[in-house]
Amino acid sequence: MEVPAFLAVVLIIAGAWSLVVWPQFLRRVMKDPRARDAEGKATRFLTVHVVLVSISMLLGAATAAIGIAGLVS
């Protein structure tokens, strides 16, 4: 399947956006007082957000890779 160059570029930009934005979000979440309990252990709040960010970054990387593959082919 061939991807038009414009759509490939859109996929690359969308993937790059995810890879830039989500780590910044995670930094904020980690500083949030709800991220750790009184003993310093990670709370469900932090765990859920780490999973969310991880999945989003994997999808972002896959999106960018598909865009690059579409642009190269």
Protein backbone atom coordinates (compact mmCIF):
# COMPACT_ATOMS: atom_id res chain seq x y z
CA MET A 1 0.00 0.00 0.00
CA GLU A 2 1.36 3.36 -0.98
CA VAL A 3 0.83 6.35 1.26
CA PRO A 4 0.70 9.77 -0.40
CA ALA A 5 3.65 11.96 0.61
CA PHE A 6 1.38 14.49 2.34
CA LEU A 7 -0.19 11.80 4.54
CA ALA A 8 3.23 10.32 5.31
CA VAL A 9 4.39 13.73 6.52
CA VAL A 10 1.24 14.09 8.64
CA LEU A 11 1.98 10.70 10.24
CA ILE A 12 5.58 11.73 10.96
CA ILE A 13 4.44 15.00 12.54
CA ALA A 14 1.77 13.24 14.62
CA GLY A 15 4.31 10.68 15.84
CA ALA A 16 6.87 13.35 16.66
CA TRP A 17 4.21 15.34 18.52
CA SER A 18 3.48 12.34 20.74
CA LEU A 19 7.15 11.73 21.41
CA VAL A 20 7.67 15.37 22.42
CA VAL A 21 4.50 16.08 24.39
CA TRP A 22 3.99 12.94 26.47
CA PRO A 23 7.33 13.00 28.33
CA GLN A 24 6.60 16.59 29.39
CA PHE A 25 3.22 15.48 30.70
CA LEU A 26 4.81 12.61 32.64
CA ARG A 27 7.29 15.00 34.27
CA ARG A 28 4.36 17.05 35.56
CA VAL A 29 2.53 13.96 36.80
CA MET A 30 5.63 12.77 38.66
CA LYS A 31 5.84 16.10 40.50
CA ASP A 32 2.15 15.95 41.45
CA PRO A 33 1.57 15.24 45.17
CA ARG A 34 -0.88 12.48 44.20
CA ALA A 35 1.93 10.52 42.50
CA ARG A 36 3.46 9.25 45.75
CA ASP A 37 1.99 8.28 49.10
CA ALA A 38 3.33 9.34 52.51
CA GLU A 39 5.94 6.55 52.37
CA GLY A 40 7.15 7.60 48.92
CA LYS A 41 5.61 4.64 47.10
CA ALA A 42 4.03 5.11 43.68
CA THR A 43 0.25 5.47 43.81
CA ARG A 44 -2.32 4.23 41.31
CA PHE A 45 -2.45 7.77 39.98
CA LEU A 46 1.20 7.54 38.93
CA THR A 47 0.94 3.95 37.70
CA VAL A 48 -2.04 4.70 35.46
CA HIS A 49 -0.33 7.74 33.99
CA VAL A 50 2.94 5.87 33.36
CA VAL A 51 0.98 3.20 31.47
CA LEU A 52 -0.94 5.86 29.53
CA VAL A 53 2.24 7.69 28.55
CA SER A 54 4.06 4.46 27.65
CA ILE A 55 1.29 3.27 25.34
CA SER A 56 0.93 6.71 23.79
CA MET A 57 4.64 6.94 23.10
CA LEU A 58 4.71 3.46 21.55
CA LEU A 59 1.82 4.43 19.30
CA GLY A 60 3.56 7.71 18.49
CA ALA A 61 6.75 5.89 17.54
CA ALA A 62 4.77 3.43 15.41
CA THR A 63 2.92 6.29 13.73
CA ALA A 64 6.17 8.07 12.92
CA ALA A 65 7.72 4.83 11.64
CA ILE A 66 4.72 4.20 9.35
CA GLY A 67 5.03 7.76 8.07
CA ILE A 68 8.74 7.35 7.39
CA ALA A 69 8.13 4.01 5.65
CA GLY A 70 5.42 5.62 3.55
CA LEU A 71 7.67 8.49 2.60
CA VAL A 72 10.59 6.24 1.70
CA SER A 73 8.62 3.77 -0.42
